[in-house]
């Protein structure tokens, strides 16, 4: 009886999970199907919408701009989050718990609330309509700092003590010992940051107004304004903009899952 019950539970779980998978993937399948078939009276399979979308959206420039902004943001966030996370995980100083609480509280503040002071600072620094206007607001994040702090807490402190006895200073300990050990957390942070910057429309829309700084999301927005009647062309543009993120996640999913599982809340 127990064996029968266990088998029934497995079958029911499989059906439930498979049904959930179909529900989740159905929008993507619809988008993929629409991008390959013409919307006329005679629906036929074609690649022409991808070629046309690539040319109309100037995706070569958009990919270069979004890639540059995303990679630079990842670089700065990894540096700032590693240094701040180490300080909050290992160093003892007055007010540390308050700072941690303050950093966590920033996670509930929408970026749109801060856009006016950020815009004024960028304008004061003559950074509007530059790459720095898209990179600097994302150079540090409360999420990244908290993520790295949690991972550093999970690393045995004895490794640092042994390195200190060998004459290593704090920076050497961070970059030569902790940084390589924190690879899963760093990849997790990099994926979150890259995807967030790649999909960001708000900053390019507010801080830039020149065609030379068009990002992927701005290119997609132009499709929604100009080609809303041509759904196949619009869906092809959506697939083109999504491909880099999908590839990135496929190659980093193992480390991503490990990083998420290893950075649980620890005291």
C-alpha atoms as a PDB file:
ATOM      1  CA  UNK A   1       0.000   0.000   0.000  1.00  0.00           C
ATOM      2  CA  UNK A   2       2.798   2.423   0.875  1.00  0.00           C
ATOM      3  CA  UNK A   3       4.535   1.611  -2.405  1.00  0.00           C
ATOM      4  CA  UNK A   4       1.328   2.286  -4.343  1.00  0.00           C
ATOM      5  CA  UNK A   5       0.783   5.559  -2.499  1.00  0.00           C
ATOM      6  CA  UNK A   6       4.368   6.637  -3.182  1.00  0.00           C
ATOM      7  CA  UNK A   7       4.025   5.858  -6.894  1.00  0.00           C
ATOM      8  CA  UNK A   8       0.741   7.738  -7.092  1.00  0.00           C
ATOM      9  CA  UNK A   9       2.301  10.748  -5.398  1.00  0.00           C
ATOM     10  CA  UNK A  10       5.215  10.743  -7.860  1.00  0.00           C
ATOM     11  CA  UNK A  11       2.873  10.546 -10.842  1.00  0.00           C
ATOM     12  CA  UNK A  12       0.675  13.313  -9.467  1.00  0.00           C
ATOM     13  CA  UNK A  13       3.757  15.478  -8.776  1.00  0.00           C
ATOM     14  CA  UNK A  14       5.050  14.892 -12.292  1.00  0.00           C
ATOM     15  CA  UNK A  15       1.714  15.841 -13.853  1.00  0.00           C
ATOM     16  CA  UNK A  16       1.472  18.926 -11.666  1.00  0.00           C
ATOM     17  CA  UNK A  17       5.033  20.064 -12.461  1.00  0.00           C
ATOM     18  CA  UNK A  18       4.627  19.330 -16.169  1.00  0.00           C
ATOM     19  CA  UNK A  19       1.393  21.313 -16.240  1.00  0.00           C
ATOM     20  CA  UNK A  20       3.114  24.214 -14.491  1.00  0.00           C
ATOM     21  CA  UNK A  21       5.964  24.036 -17.015  1.00  0.00           C
ATOM     22  CA  UNK A  22       3.519  24.246 -19.928  1.00  0.00           C
ATOM     23  CA  UNK A  23       1.750  27.232 -18.350  1.00  0.00           C
ATOM     24  CA  UNK A  24       5.062  29.050 -17.780  1.00  0.00           C
ATOM     25  CA  UNK A  25       6.461  28.307 -21.245  1.00  0.00           C
ATOM     26  CA  UNK A  26       3.250  28.907 -23.197  1.00  0.00           C
ATOM     27  CA  UNK A  27       3.821  32.693 -23.625  1.00  0.00           C
ATOM     28  CA  UNK A  28       7.368  32.066 -24.874  1.00  0.00           C
ATOM     29  CA  UNK A  29       6.153  29.340 -27.251  1.00  0.00           C
ATOM     30  CA  UNK A  30       3.493  31.708 -28.598  1.00  0.00           C
ATOM     31  CA  UNK A  31       6.080  34.470 -29.122  1.00  0.00           C
ATOM     32  CA  UNK A  32       8.469  32.038 -30.842  1.00  0.00           C
ATOM     33  CA  UNK A  33       5.720  30.690 -33.102  1.00  0.00           C
ATOM     34  CA  UNK A  34       4.496  34.171 -34.050  1.00  0.00           C
ATOM     35  CA  UNK A  35       8.018  35.329 -34.921  1.00  0.00           C
ATOM     36  CA  UNK A  36       8.433  32.581 -37.539  1.00  0.00           C
ATOM     37  CA  UNK A  37       5.047  32.757 -39.267  1.00  0.00           C
ATOM     38  CA  UNK A  38       3.611  35.569 -41.349  1.00  0.00           C
ATOM     39  CA  UNK A  39       0.399  37.174 -40.134  1.00  0.00           C
ATOM     40  CA  UNK A  40      -1.227  37.378 -43.567  1.00  0.00           C
ATOM     41  CA  UNK A  41      -3.979  35.214 -44.982  1.00  0.00           C
ATOM     42  CA  UNK A  42      -1.417  32.576 -45.968  1.00  0.00           C
ATOM     43  CA  UNK A  43       0.631  31.806 -42.872  1.00  0.00           C
ATOM     44  CA  UNK A  44       4.028  30.372 -43.809  1.00  0.00           C
ATOM     45  CA  UNK A  45       7.323  29.699 -42.035  1.00  0.00           C
ATOM     46  CA  UNK A  46       9.964  32.378 -42.647  1.00  0.00           C
ATOM     47  CA  UNK A  47      13.118  33.908 -41.166  1.00  0.00           C
ATOM     48  CA  UNK A  48      12.563  37.273 -42.814  1.00  0.00           C
ATOM     49  CA  UNK A  49      11.139  38.885 -39.684  1.00  0.00           C
ATOM     50  CA  UNK A  50      14.389  38.311 -37.793  1.00  0.00           C
ATOM     51  CA  UNK A  51      16.456  39.902 -40.546  1.00  0.00           C
ATOM     52  CA  UNK A  52      14.041  42.821 -40.808  1.00  0.00           C
ATOM     53  CA  UNK A  53      13.877  43.281 -37.019  1.00  0.00           C
ATOM     54  CA  UNK A  54      17.676  43.267 -36.751  1.00  0.00           C
ATOM     55  CA  UNK A  55      17.941  46.005 -39.377  1.00  0.00           C
ATOM     56  CA  UNK A  56      14.979  48.129 -38.260  1.00  0.00           C
ATOM     57  CA  UNK A  57      15.968  48.046 -34.606  1.00  0.00           C
ATOM     58  CA  UNK A  58      19.687  48.649 -35.278  1.00  0.00           C
ATOM     59  CA  UNK A  59      20.349  45.859 -32.775  1.00  0.00           C
ATOM     60  CA  UNK A  60      24.083  45.803 -33.476  1.00  0.00           C
ATOM     61  CA  UNK A  61      24.411  49.243 -31.861  1.00  0.00           C
ATOM     62  CA  UNK A  62      21.827  48.393 -29.187  1.00  0.00           C
ATOM     63  CA  UNK A  63      23.645  45.166 -28.247  1.00  0.00           C
ATOM     64  CA  UNK A  64      26.965  47.020 -28.024  1.00  0.00           C
ATOM     65  CA  UNK A  65      25.513  49.742 -25.786  1.00  0.00           C
ATOM     66  CA  UNK A  66      23.566  47.393 -23.513  1.00  0.00           C
ATOM     67  CA  UNK A  67      26.514  44.999 -23.329  1.00  0.00           C
ATOM     68  CA  UNK A  68      28.921  47.769 -22.371  1.00  0.00           C
ATOM     69  CA  UNK A  69      26.598  49.157 -19.699  1.00  0.00           C
ATOM     70  CA  UNK A  70      25.769  45.716 -18.295  1.00  0.00           C
ATOM     71  CA  UNK A  71      29.400  44.512 -18.159  1.00  0.00           C
ATOM     72  CA  UNK A  72      30.608  47.754 -16.580  1.00  0.00           C
ATOM     73  CA  UNK A  73      27.807  47.605 -13.991  1.00  0.00           C
ATOM     74  CA  UNK A  74      28.721  43.994 -13.192  1.00  0.00           C
ATOM     75  CA  UNK A  75      32.383  44.968 -12.742  1.00  0.00           C
ATOM     76  CA  UNK A  76      31.634  47.850 -10.371  1.00  0.00           C
ATOM     77  CA  UNK A  77      29.026  45.919  -8.387  1.00  0.00           C
ATOM     78  CA  UNK A  78      31.330  42.943  -7.888  1.00  0.00           C
ATOM     79  CA  UNK A  79      34.098  45.239  -6.602  1.00  0.00           C
ATOM     80  CA  UNK A  80      31.919  47.369  -4.305  1.00  0.00           C
ATOM     81  CA  UNK A  81      29.852  44.434  -3.051  1.00  0.00           C
ATOM     82  CA  UNK A  82      32.934  42.320  -2.311  1.00  0.00           C
ATOM     83  CA  UNK A  83      34.692  45.044  -0.324  1.00  0.00           C
ATOM     84  CA  UNK A  84      31.588  46.184   1.570  1.00  0.00           C
ATOM     85  CA  UNK A  85      30.393  42.610   2.116  1.00  0.00           C
ATOM     86  CA  UNK A  86      33.747  41.600   3.592  1.00  0.00           C
ATOM     87  CA  UNK A  87      33.770  44.601   5.928  1.00  0.00           C
ATOM     88  CA  UNK A  88      30.268  43.822   7.196  1.00  0.00           C
ATOM     89  CA  UNK A  89      31.001  40.106   7.551  1.00  0.00           C
ATOM     90  CA  UNK A  90      34.399  40.202   9.260  1.00  0.00           C
ATOM     91  CA  UNK A  91      35.264  43.605  10.674  1.00  0.00           C
ATOM     92  CA  UNK A  92      34.018  44.708  14.078  1.00  0.00           C
ATOM     93  CA  UNK A  93      33.096  48.359  14.412  1.00  0.00           C
ATOM     94  CA  UNK A  94      30.505  50.515  16.062  1.00  0.00           C
ATOM     95  CA  UNK A  95      27.146  50.771  14.302  1.00  0.00           C
ATOM     96  CA  UNK A  96      27.695  47.770  12.025  1.00  0.00           C
ATOM     97  CA  UNK A  97      24.261  46.280  12.674  1.00  0.00           C
ATOM     98  CA  UNK A  98      22.632  49.629  11.937  1.00  0.00           C
ATOM     99  CA  UNK A  99      24.516  49.881   8.627  1.00  0.00           C
ATOM    100  CA  UNK A 100      23.430  46.355   7.691  1.00  0.00           C
ATOM    101  CA  UNK A 101      19.821  47.248   8.491  1.00  0.00           C
ATOM    102  CA  UNK A 102      20.166  50.448   6.457  1.00  0.00           C
ATOM    103  CA  UNK A 103      21.543  48.537   3.463  1.00  0.00           C
ATOM    104  CA  UNK A 104      18.737  45.981   3.634  1.00  0.00           C
ATOM    105  CA  UNK A 105      16.159  48.772   3.836  1.00  0.00           C
ATOM    106  CA  UNK A 106      17.388  50.151   0.496  1.00  0.00           C
ATOM    107  CA  UNK A 107      16.024  47.003  -1.167  1.00  0.00           C
ATOM    108  CA  UNK A 108      12.447  48.219  -0.671  1.00  0.00           C
ATOM    109  CA  UNK A 109      13.065  51.683  -2.153  1.00  0.00           C
ATOM    110  CA  UNK A 110      12.090  51.837  -5.855  1.00  0.00           C
ATOM    111  CA  UNK A 111      14.654  53.393  -8.156  1.00  0.00           C
ATOM    112  CA  UNK A 112      11.974  55.753  -9.484  1.00  0.00           C
ATOM    113  CA  UNK A 113      11.837  57.443  -6.065  1.00  0.00           C
ATOM    114  CA  UNK A 114      15.511  58.405  -6.379  1.00  0.00           C
ATOM    115  CA  UNK A 115      15.488  59.403 -10.033  1.00  0.00           C
ATOM    116  CA  UNK A 116      15.224  63.186  -9.452  1.00  0.00           C
ATOM    117  CA  UNK A 117      18.250  63.541  -7.108  1.00  0.00           C
ATOM    118  CA  UNK A 118      20.243  61.123  -9.285  1.00  0.00           C
ATOM    119  CA  UNK A 119      19.346  63.119 -12.388  1.00  0.00           C
ATOM    120  CA  UNK A 120      20.421  66.371 -10.717  1.00  0.00           C
ATOM    121  CA  UNK A 121      23.743  64.851  -9.628  1.00  0.00           C
ATOM    122  CA  UNK A 122      24.414  63.509 -13.131  1.00  0.00           C
ATOM    123  CA  UNK A 123      23.491  66.863 -14.646  1.00  0.00           C
ATOM    124  CA  UNK A 124      25.796  68.653 -12.200  1.00  0.00           C
ATOM    125  CA  UNK A 125      28.601  66.322 -13.243  1.00  0.00           C
ATOM    126  CA  UNK A 126      27.817  66.808 -16.975  1.00  0.00           C
ATOM    127  CA  UNK A 127      27.155  63.088 -17.319  1.00  0.00           C
ATOM    128  CA  UNK A 128      23.721  63.196 -18.950  1.00  0.00           C
ATOM    129  CA  UNK A 129      23.792  61.533 -22.399  1.00  0.00           C
ATOM    130  CA  UNK A 130      26.914  59.549 -21.555  1.00  0.00           C
ATOM    131  CA  UNK A 131      27.548  55.910 -20.709  1.00  0.00           C
ATOM    132  CA  UNK A 132      28.370  56.951 -17.140  1.00  0.00           C
ATOM    133  CA  UNK A 133      24.767  58.112 -16.672  1.00  0.00           C
ATOM    134  CA  UNK A 134      23.695  54.491 -17.208  1.00  0.00           C
ATOM    135  CA  UNK A 135      26.560  52.853 -15.290  1.00  0.00           C
ATOM    136  CA  UNK A 136      27.160  54.912 -12.134  1.00  0.00           C
ATOM    137  CA  UNK A 137      23.615  54.644 -10.670  1.00  0.00           C
ATOM    138  CA  UNK A 138      24.114  50.857 -10.695  1.00  0.00           C
ATOM    139  CA  UNK A 139      27.735  50.800  -9.506  1.00  0.00           C
ATOM    140  CA  UNK A 140      26.685  49.559  -6.059  1.00  0.00           C
ATOM    141  CA  UNK A 141      23.587  47.861  -4.697  1.00  0.00           C
ATOM    142  CA  UNK A 142      22.257  46.843  -1.324  1.00  0.00           C
ATOM    143  CA  UNK A 143      21.371  43.428  -2.706  1.00  0.00           C
ATOM    144  CA  UNK A 144      24.936  42.778  -3.864  1.00  0.00           C
ATOM    145  CA  UNK A 145      26.457  43.892  -0.571  1.00  0.00           C
ATOM    146  CA  UNK A 146      24.067  41.742   1.443  1.00  0.00           C
ATOM    147  CA  UNK A 147      24.603  38.738  -0.861  1.00  0.00           C
ATOM    148  CA  UNK A 148      28.390  38.883  -0.557  1.00  0.00           C
ATOM    149  CA  UNK A 149      28.213  39.431   3.211  1.00  0.00           C
ATOM    150  CA  UNK A 150      26.118  36.308   3.610  1.00  0.00           C
ATOM    151  CA  UNK A 151      28.524  34.246   1.552  1.00  0.00           C
ATOM    152  CA  UNK A 152      31.615  35.498   3.396  1.00  0.00           C
ATOM    153  CA  UNK A 153      29.958  34.537   6.688  1.00  0.00           C
ATOM    154  CA  UNK A 154      29.672  30.947   5.418  1.00  0.00           C
ATOM    155  CA  UNK A 155      33.451  30.742   4.760  1.00  0.00           C
ATOM    156  CA  UNK A 156      35.454  29.500   7.786  1.00  0.00           C
ATOM    157  CA  UNK A 157      37.347  32.330   9.457  1.00  0.00           C
ATOM    158  CA  UNK A 158      40.267  29.945  10.109  1.00  0.00           C
ATOM    159  CA  UNK A 159      41.348  30.379   6.477  1.00  0.00           C
ATOM    160  CA  UNK A 160      41.851  34.091   7.034  1.00  0.00           C
ATOM    161  CA  UNK A 161      43.609  33.534  10.335  1.00  0.00           C
ATOM    162  CA  UNK A 162      46.074  31.161   8.676  1.00  0.00           C
ATOM    163  CA  UNK A 163      46.697  33.684   5.883  1.00  0.00           C
ATOM    164  CA  UNK A 164      47.244  36.443   8.454  1.00  0.00           C
ATOM    165  CA  UNK A 165      49.872  34.320  10.191  1.00  0.00           C
ATOM    166  CA  UNK A 166      51.616  33.969   6.824  1.00  0.00           C
ATOM    167  CA  UNK A 167      51.798  37.750   6.566  1.00  0.00           C
ATOM    168  CA  UNK A 168      48.868  38.466   4.240  1.00  0.00           C
ATOM    169  CA  UNK A 169      47.017  41.775   4.637  1.00  0.00           C
ATOM    170  CA  UNK A 170      43.248  42.299   4.308  1.00  0.00           C
ATOM    171  CA  UNK A 171      43.286  43.043   0.578  1.00  0.00           C
ATOM    172  CA  UNK A 172      45.419  39.976  -0.148  1.00  0.00           C
ATOM    173  CA  UNK A 173      43.044  37.835   1.894  1.00  0.00           C
ATOM    174  CA  UNK A 174      40.049  39.182  -0.028  1.00  0.00           C
ATOM    175  CA  UNK A 175      41.410  38.855  -3.574  1.00  0.00           C
ATOM    176  CA  UNK A 176      43.620  35.762  -3.210  1.00  0.00           C
ATOM    177  CA  UNK A 177      41.557  33.629  -0.793  1.00  0.00           C
ATOM    178  CA  UNK A 178      37.970  34.804  -0.350  1.00  0.00           C
ATOM    179  CA  UNK A 179      37.337  36.040  -3.871  1.00  0.00           C
ATOM    180  CA  UNK A 180      38.035  32.649  -5.545  1.00  0.00           C
ATOM    181  CA  UNK A 181      36.007  30.844  -2.847  1.00  0.00           C
ATOM    182  CA  UNK A 182      33.075  33.210  -3.416  1.00  0.00           C
ATOM    183  CA  UNK A 183      32.794  32.332  -7.113  1.00  0.00           C
ATOM    184  CA  UNK A 184      29.167  31.032  -6.865  1.00  0.00           C
ATOM    185  CA  UNK A 185      28.009  34.218  -5.119  1.00  0.00           C
ATOM    186  CA  UNK A 186      29.913  36.404  -7.587  1.00  0.00           C
ATOM    187  CA  UNK A 187      28.351  34.613 -10.560  1.00  0.00           C
ATOM    188  CA  UNK A 188      24.921  34.949  -8.948  1.00  0.00           C
ATOM    189  CA  UNK A 189      25.437  38.672  -8.435  1.00  0.00           C
ATOM    190  CA  UNK A 190      26.816  39.054 -11.967  1.00  0.00           C
ATOM    191  CA  UNK A 191      23.814  37.290 -13.497  1.00  0.00           C
ATOM    192  CA  UNK A 192      21.310  39.358 -11.523  1.00  0.00           C
ATOM    193  CA  UNK A 193      23.132  42.581 -12.394  1.00  0.00           C
ATOM    194  CA  UNK A 194      23.635  41.787 -16.072  1.00  0.00           C
ATOM    195  CA  UNK A 195      20.030  40.731 -16.606  1.00  0.00           C
ATOM    196  CA  UNK A 196      18.747  43.742 -14.677  1.00  0.00           C
ATOM    197  CA  UNK A 197      20.831  46.184 -16.733  1.00  0.00           C
ATOM    198  CA  UNK A 198      20.078  44.421 -20.017  1.00  0.00           C
ATOM    199  CA  UNK A 199      16.328  44.648 -19.351  1.00  0.00           C
ATOM    200  CA  UNK A 200      16.404  48.173 -17.950  1.00  0.00           C
ATOM    201  CA  UNK A 201      14.360  50.734 -19.846  1.00  0.00           C
ATOM    202  CA  UNK A 202      13.938  53.422 -17.219  1.00  0.00           C
ATOM    203  CA  UNK A 203      17.524  54.737 -16.972  1.00  0.00           C
ATOM    204  CA  UNK A 204      18.143  54.968 -20.740  1.00  0.00           C
ATOM    205  CA  UNK A 205      14.754  56.633 -21.158  1.00  0.00           C
ATOM    206  CA  UNK A 206      15.408  59.286 -18.497  1.00  0.00           C
ATOM    207  CA  UNK A 207      19.165  59.869 -18.634  1.00  0.00           C
ATOM    208  CA  UNK A 208      19.760  59.739 -22.407  1.00  0.00           C
ATOM    209  CA  UNK A 209      18.109  61.187 -25.492  1.00  0.00           C
ATOM    210  CA  UNK A 210      20.651  60.530 -28.226  1.00  0.00           C
ATOM    211  CA  UNK A 211      20.364  57.709 -30.815  1.00  0.00           C
ATOM    212  CA  UNK A 212      24.033  56.772 -30.285  1.00  0.00           C
ATOM    213  CA  UNK A 213      23.181  55.510 -26.774  1.00  0.00           C
ATOM    214  CA  UNK A 214      20.174  53.420 -27.787  1.00  0.00           C
ATOM    215  CA  UNK A 215      19.972  50.255 -25.702  1.00  0.00           C
ATOM    216  CA  UNK A 216      18.153  47.006 -26.410  1.00  0.00           C
ATOM    217  CA  UNK A 217      15.088  48.015 -24.416  1.00  0.00           C
ATOM    218  CA  UNK A 218      14.878  51.391 -26.159  1.00  0.00           C
ATOM    219  CA  UNK A 219      15.052  49.569 -29.487  1.00  0.00           C
ATOM    220  CA  UNK A 220      12.195  47.304 -28.388  1.00  0.00           C
ATOM    221  CA  UNK A 221      10.195  50.316 -27.243  1.00  0.00           C
ATOM    222  CA  UNK A 222      10.538  51.841 -30.718  1.00  0.00           C
ATOM    223  CA  UNK A 223       9.123  48.625 -32.193  1.00  0.00           C
ATOM    224  CA  UNK A 224       6.087  48.874 -29.939  1.00  0.00           C
ATOM    225  CA  UNK A 225       5.468  52.394 -31.191  1.00  0.00           C
ATOM    226  CA  UNK A 226       6.042  51.765 -34.909  1.00  0.00           C
ATOM    227  CA  UNK A 227       5.168  48.134 -35.603  1.00  0.00           C
ATOM    228  CA  UNK A 228       2.325  47.230 -33.248  1.00  0.00           C
ATOM    229  CA  UNK A 229       0.273  46.033 -36.224  1.00  0.00           C
ATOM    230  CA  UNK A 230       3.039  43.676 -37.360  1.00  0.00           C
ATOM    231  CA  UNK A 231       3.103  41.175 -34.504  1.00  0.00           C
ATOM    232  CA  UNK A 232       5.527  38.785 -36.208  1.00  0.00           C
ATOM    233  CA  UNK A 233       8.126  41.536 -36.554  1.00  0.00           C
ATOM    234  CA  UNK A 234       7.620  42.659 -32.953  1.00  0.00           C
ATOM    235  CA  UNK A 235       7.904  39.102 -31.609  1.00  0.00           C
ATOM    236  CA  UNK A 236      11.089  38.536 -33.640  1.00  0.00           C
ATOM    237  CA  UNK A 237      12.578  41.647 -32.031  1.00  0.00           C
ATOM    238  CA  UNK A 238      11.623  40.323 -28.581  1.00  0.00           C
ATOM    239  CA  UNK A 239      13.349  36.985 -29.278  1.00  0.00           C
ATOM    240  CA  UNK A 240      16.495  38.760 -30.542  1.00  0.00           C
ATOM    241  CA  UNK A 241      16.657  40.872 -27.379  1.00  0.00           C
ATOM    242  CA  UNK A 242      16.148  37.815 -25.159  1.00  0.00           C
ATOM    243  CA  UNK A 243      18.739  35.462 -26.706  1.00  0.00           C
ATOM    244  CA  UNK A 244      21.837  36.859 -24.864  1.00  0.00           C
ATOM    245  CA  UNK A 245      20.117  36.571 -21.477  1.00  0.00           C
ATOM    246  CA  UNK A 246      19.030  32.983 -22.163  1.00  0.00           C
ATOM    247  CA  UNK A 247      22.551  31.986 -23.269  1.00  0.00           C
ATOM    248  CA  UNK A 248      24.080  33.663 -20.221  1.00  0.00           C
ATOM    249  CA  UNK A 249      21.728  31.884 -17.829  1.00  0.00           C
ATOM    250  CA  UNK A 250      22.267  28.482 -19.490  1.00  0.00           C
ATOM    251  CA  UNK A 251      26.032  28.719 -18.982  1.00  0.00           C
ATOM    252  CA  UNK A 252      25.788  30.133 -15.454  1.00  0.00           C
ATOM    253  CA  UNK A 253      22.783  28.300 -14.035  1.00  0.00           C
ATOM    254  CA  UNK A 254      24.802  25.732 -12.059  1.00  0.00           C
ATOM    255  CA  UNK A 255      26.818  28.382 -10.240  1.00  0.00           C
ATOM    256  CA  UNK A 256      23.707  30.539  -9.946  1.00  0.00           C
ATOM    257  CA  UNK A 257      21.767  27.813  -8.124  1.00  0.00           C
ATOM    258  CA  UNK A 258      24.739  27.054  -5.884  1.00  0.00           C
ATOM    259  CA  UNK A 259      25.194  30.726  -5.081  1.00  0.00           C
ATOM    260  CA  UNK A 260      21.525  31.156  -4.142  1.00  0.00           C
ATOM    261  CA  UNK A 261      21.541  28.030  -1.968  1.00  0.00           C
ATOM    262  CA  UNK A 262      24.806  28.980  -0.232  1.00  0.00           C
ATOM    263  CA  UNK A 263      23.793  32.539   0.652  1.00  0.00           C
ATOM    264  CA  UNK A 264      20.947  31.874   3.035  1.00  0.00           C
ATOM    265  CA  UNK A 265      20.408  34.221   5.945  1.00  0.00           C
ATOM    266  CA  UNK A 266      23.027  33.580   8.619  1.00  0.00           C
ATOM    267  CA  UNK A 267      23.757  35.549  11.742  1.00  0.00           C
END
